[in-house]
C-alpha atoms as a PDB file:
ATOM      1  CA  MET A   1      17.491  19.007 -32.303  1.00  0.00           C
ATOM      2  CA  SER A   2      20.751  17.215 -31.602  1.00  0.00           C
ATOM      3  CA  ALA A   3      20.879  13.446 -31.137  1.00  0.00           C
ATOM      4  CA  PHE A   4      21.836  13.976 -27.484  1.00  0.00           C
ATOM      5  CA  LYS A   5      18.824  16.212 -26.789  1.00  0.00           C
ATOM      6  CA  LEU A   6      16.564  13.783 -28.624  1.00  0.00           C
ATOM      7  CA  SER A   7      17.807  10.842 -26.554  1.00  0.00           C
ATOM      8  CA  LEU A   8      17.257  12.857 -23.347  1.00  0.00           C
ATOM      9  CA  ALA A   9      13.713  13.669 -24.447  1.00  0.00           C
ATOM     10  CA  VAL A  10      13.004   9.997 -25.215  1.00  0.00           C
ATOM     11  CA  ALA A  11      14.462   8.936 -21.855  1.00  0.00           C
ATOM     12  CA  GLY A  12      12.285  11.511 -20.088  1.00  0.00           C
ATOM     13  CA  LEU A  13       9.153  10.241 -21.819  1.00  0.00           C
ATOM     14  CA  ALA A  14      10.054   6.652 -20.957  1.00  0.00           C
ATOM     15  CA  THR A  15      10.473   7.643 -17.287  1.00  0.00           C
ATOM     16  CA  ILE A  16       7.093   9.398 -17.249  1.00  0.00           C
ATOM     17  CA  SER A  17       5.466   6.314 -18.811  1.00  0.00           C
ATOM     18  CA  LEU A  18       7.087   4.077 -16.202  1.00  0.00           C
ATOM     19  CA  PHE A  19       5.832   6.245 -13.308  1.00  0.00           C
ATOM     20  CA  SER A  20       2.334   6.341 -14.815  1.00  0.00           C
ATOM     21  CA  ALA A  21       2.257   2.556 -15.118  1.00  0.00           C
ATOM     22  CA  THR A  22       3.488   2.179 -11.531  1.00  0.00           C
ATOM     23  CA  ALA A  23       0.872   4.599 -10.190  1.00  0.00           C
ATOM     24  CA  HIS A  24      -1.847   2.783 -12.107  1.00  0.00           C
ATOM     25  CA  ALA A  25      -0.729  -0.611 -10.794  1.00  0.00           C
ATOM     26  CA  ALA A  26      -0.662   0.695  -7.214  1.00  0.00           C
ATOM     27  CA  SER A  27      -4.284   1.835  -7.487  1.00  0.00           C
ATOM     28  CA  ASN A  28      -5.320  -1.780  -8.088  1.00  0.00           C
ATOM     29  CA  GLU A  29      -3.192  -3.205  -5.272  1.00  0.00           C
ATOM     30  CA  GLN A  30      -4.583  -6.089  -3.245  1.00  0.00           C
ATOM     31  CA  ALA A  31      -3.392  -6.960   0.230  1.00  0.00           C
ATOM     32  CA  THR A  32      -4.327  -9.739   2.627  1.00  0.00           C
ATOM     33  CA  VAL A  33      -4.902  -8.944   6.288  1.00  0.00           C
ATOM     34  CA  ILE A  34      -2.342 -10.791   8.432  1.00  0.00           C
ATOM     35  CA  LEU A  35      -2.991  -9.259  11.865  1.00  0.00           C
ATOM     36  CA  SER A  36      -6.056  -7.281  12.862  1.00  0.00           C
ATOM     37  CA  GLN A  37      -6.701  -7.205  16.600  1.00  0.00           C
ATOM     38  CA  SER A  38      -8.155  -4.708  19.056  1.00  0.00           C
ATOM     39  CA  CYS A  39      -5.471  -2.265  17.940  1.00  0.00           C
ATOM     40  CA  GLU A  40      -5.910   0.555  15.441  1.00  0.00           C
ATOM     41  CA  TYR A  41      -2.969  -0.802  13.397  1.00  0.00           C
ATOM     42  CA  MET A  42      -3.100  -3.742  10.977  1.00  0.00           C
ATOM     43  CA  LEU A  43      -0.480  -5.756   9.149  1.00  0.00           C
ATOM     44  CA  LEU A  44      -1.166  -6.566   5.518  1.00  0.00           C
ATOM     45  CA  ASN A  45       0.691  -8.738   3.039  1.00  0.00           C
ATOM     46  CA  SER A  46       0.949  -7.308  -0.474  1.00  0.00           C
ATOM     47  CA  SER A  47       3.066  -7.765  -3.579  1.00  0.00           C
ATOM     48  CA  GLN A  48       5.154  -4.808  -2.312  1.00  0.00           C
ATOM     49  CA  GLY A  49       5.882  -6.582   0.989  1.00  0.00           C
ATOM     50  CA  MET A  50       4.391  -6.267   4.458  1.00  0.00           C
ATOM     51  CA  VAL A  51       2.287  -3.138   4.928  1.00  0.00           C
ATOM     52  CA  LEU A  52       1.574  -1.463   8.275  1.00  0.00           C
ATOM     53  CA  VAL A  53      -1.585   0.658   8.223  1.00  0.00           C
ATOM     54  CA  LYS A  54      -3.461   2.627  10.855  1.00  0.00           C
ATOM     55  CA  GLN A  55      -7.223   2.345  10.497  1.00  0.00           C
ATOM     56  CA  LEU A  56      -8.930   5.733  10.748  1.00  0.00           C
ATOM     57  CA  ASP A  57     -12.541   4.743  10.132  1.00  0.00           C
ATOM     58  CA  GLY A  58     -14.692   1.907   8.842  1.00  0.00           C
ATOM     59  CA  ILE A  59     -15.319  -1.652   9.956  1.00  0.00           C
ATOM     60  CA  THR A  60     -12.205  -3.563  11.008  1.00  0.00           C
ATOM     61  CA  PRO A  61     -11.498  -6.497   8.684  1.00  0.00           C
ATOM     62  CA  GLN A  62     -10.704 -10.029   9.819  1.00  0.00           C
ATOM     63  CA  ALA A  63      -7.421 -11.862   9.326  1.00  0.00           C
ATOM     64  CA  GLY A  64      -7.471 -13.413   5.867  1.00  0.00           C
ATOM     65  CA  ASP A  65      -9.669 -10.709   4.293  1.00  0.00           C
ATOM     66  CA  THR A  66      -8.465  -9.186   1.034  1.00  0.00           C
ATOM     67  CA  LEU A  67      -8.383  -5.397   0.789  1.00  0.00           C
ATOM     68  CA  ARG A  68      -8.181  -3.462  -2.459  1.00  0.00           C
ATOM     69  CA  GLY A  69      -6.927   0.085  -2.964  1.00  0.00           C
ATOM     70  CA  THR A  70      -3.870   2.278  -3.270  1.00  0.00           C
ATOM     71  CA  LEU A  71      -0.974   1.456  -0.977  1.00  0.00           C
ATOM     72  CA  SER A  72       1.594   4.237  -0.868  1.00  0.00           C
ATOM     73  CA  ALA A  73       3.713   4.730   2.269  1.00  0.00           C
ATOM     74  CA  GLY A  74       3.148   8.021   4.064  1.00  0.00           C
ATOM     75  CA  ASP A  75      -0.263   8.616   2.517  1.00  0.00           C
ATOM     76  CA  PHE A  76      -3.965   8.178   3.246  1.00  0.00           C
ATOM     77  CA  SER A  77      -5.859   5.468   1.397  1.00  0.00           C
ATOM     78  CA  ASP A  78      -9.410   4.249   0.978  1.00  0.00           C
ATOM     79  CA  LEU A  79      -9.494   0.448   1.005  1.00  0.00           C
ATOM     80  CA  GLN A  80     -12.366  -1.876   0.229  1.00  0.00           C
ATOM     81  CA  ASN A  81     -12.801  -5.315   1.766  1.00  0.00           C
ATOM     82  CA  THR A  82     -13.555  -7.724  -1.085  1.00  0.00           C
ATOM     83  CA  ARG A  83     -15.335 -10.172   1.276  1.00  0.00           C
ATOM     84  CA  ASN A  84     -18.177  -7.851   2.285  1.00  0.00           C
ATOM     85  CA  GLN A  85     -17.544  -4.648   0.262  1.00  0.00           C
ATOM     86  CA  ASP A  86     -16.966  -2.599   3.460  1.00  0.00           C
ATOM     87  CA  SER A  87     -14.852   0.525   2.979  1.00  0.00           C
ATOM     88  CA  MET A  88     -12.314   1.964   5.376  1.00  0.00           C
ATOM     89  CA  GLN A  89      -9.876   4.822   5.450  1.00  0.00           C
ATOM     90  CA  VAL A  90      -6.316   4.112   6.572  1.00  0.00           C
ATOM     91  CA  TRP A  91      -2.960   5.813   6.936  1.00  0.00           C
ATOM     92  CA  VAL A  92      -0.283   3.735   5.196  1.00  0.00           C
ATOM     93  CA  ASP A  93       2.486   3.961   7.778  1.00  0.00           C
ATOM     94  CA  LEU A  94       5.092   1.659   6.270  1.00  0.00           C
ATOM     95  CA  ILE A  95       5.700  -0.687   3.355  1.00  0.00           C
ATOM     96  CA  ASP A  96       8.461  -3.147   4.196  1.00  0.00           C
ATOM     97  CA  PRO A  97       9.681  -5.591   1.522  1.00  0.00           C
ATOM     98  CA  HIS A  98      11.549  -7.611   4.172  1.00  0.00           C
ATOM     99  CA  SER A  99       8.788  -7.580   6.859  1.00  0.00           C
ATOM    100  CA  SER A 100      11.054  -7.286   9.931  1.00  0.00           C
ATOM    101  CA  LYS A 101      10.593  -3.524  10.366  1.00  0.00           C
ATOM    102  CA  ALA A 102       6.816  -3.750   9.864  1.00  0.00           C
ATOM    103  CA  LEU A 103       6.541  -6.539  12.452  1.00  0.00           C
ATOM    104  CA  SER A 104       8.664  -4.587  14.911  1.00  0.00           C
ATOM    105  CA  GLN A 105       6.598  -1.413  14.495  1.00  0.00           C
ATOM    106  CA  TYR A 106       3.343  -3.353  14.854  1.00  0.00           C
ATOM    107  CA  GLY A 107       4.618  -4.889  18.102  1.00  0.00           C
ATOM    108  CA  ARG A 108       5.564  -1.448  19.370  1.00  0.00           C
ATOM    109  CA  TYR A 109       2.180   0.091  18.508  1.00  0.00           C
ATOM    110  CA  CYS A 110      -0.014  -2.826  19.587  1.00  0.00           C
ATOM    111  CA  THR A 111       1.293  -4.070  22.928  1.00  0.00           C
END
């Protein structure tokens, strides 16, 4: 195997390891509820930024509650409220590292 092919193989393995570590970290994501009103959408604050989710089932959390689960934009997720262990299913609509788009979308959905 040439040195070039070997370096490509090593780079490929490093990329796979990086994606695996990222996926694992996302499964342990925690987010704090910022806004949770009489609307089916909620705003969460996470290490990835502001997260807009649509609650599909479960008991609606209160502002300040911490939710744990996988947060991946454009995907369904099961979240657990660490305050009372309630579970809920959500659609992760948007993850916004700058928060302006998430706030705008929330205002559009919940007015």
